[in-house]
């Protein structure tokens, strides 16, 4: 498993690196071909993208690995992971190194989540040696765009989740082994503001400043922040020479509601603010994007699945606990399909999305053993 992680982390598979993702997909396709069933690399759906100039295009991300095993079996499960990382081709963080020999490994994607993919493969390889696997069918989806919202792979995940007894997703656990429980939802919006250009000295009153309107939007949206709703105006693109009133700006903002009622209220508030800013500044605002991942509460079925994971952990001498987190992942999408999911079944690690990302190496085997026990227990009708 460690050799796999080292080899896979040497392949840059940043979400926008289509060549790297293509190579990663082929490598993973070969690896998962060791399991029974059919492996395919599936094109994702086109995704709307707004550039810095406010132009809207449809783009495609990398292909997604899809494995189907024993679809006729009485118990059907879904396992998901992602092959993309947050480190683009030009990022300086491209190599692995030992923080502590054979104990702590630093490298791009070692925890998030090439280590998790190794856990999936090892756990499934183990249960295939057990007669109980005859009762178990499963689908595996390793997508290529999780780090940018899974817009292209959401449909594949939704189809794979249909009719499943439960799902396991292999985001990393915390270094302590703590799992994620409830998660908020997330919405990413691009607000394209179109004003009117004019000379900044001769006739500025004839202009309609798109940058000022975007800044007003950002301040008003930020004021929606309250317990249960985080709001992060992240970027304004636009503007130009100092002597021209800017006629175009794009505001990027992320919102994270903790439940569907708050999400609905936020949607109404965004519409109201956009309408008001448009009127006050005499600009046109085109709202793009939306809430792509709904909130993920821990309901009774999810609690039962957590209990199974905890019981299996106890057999291995592991204390399994979970807590709410502010992050989101494909577990949100799966839960929205009505399927109970534990979405931090991957390795123990930390400092993800940074050059300090690390994997606790002993957790590779530990987490593969945990997953194998959980899968066999579910196959037994738990």
Foldseek 3Di string as FASTA:
>chain_A
DVVQLQVLLLQAQAFAPQVSLVVSLVVVQVLLVVADFDKDFAWFDWDWDQDLQRDIDTDTTHTKIKGKFPPVAQAEEEEEAASHANADPPRPFNHKDDPDPPFKIFGTCSVRPSLLSLLVSLLSVVLVVPPLCSNYIYMYIHYRNFVPQCPRPLVVLLVRLPPHQAYEAAHAAALLQAFAAWEWFKWKKKKKKFWAKDFQPPCCVVTQARVVLLVQLQVQLCVLDDVQKHKAFDDKRWDDDPGMRTGIIIIIMMMTGQAPVVQVVSVVSSVVSQVVSCVVRVIHIDMDITGSFHIGHCDPSLVVLQVLLQVLCVVVVHHYHYDHDHDDGCCRSSVVSVHHYGHHLGFHWDPGPDSRTMGRNVRSVVSSSSSNSSSSVVSVPD
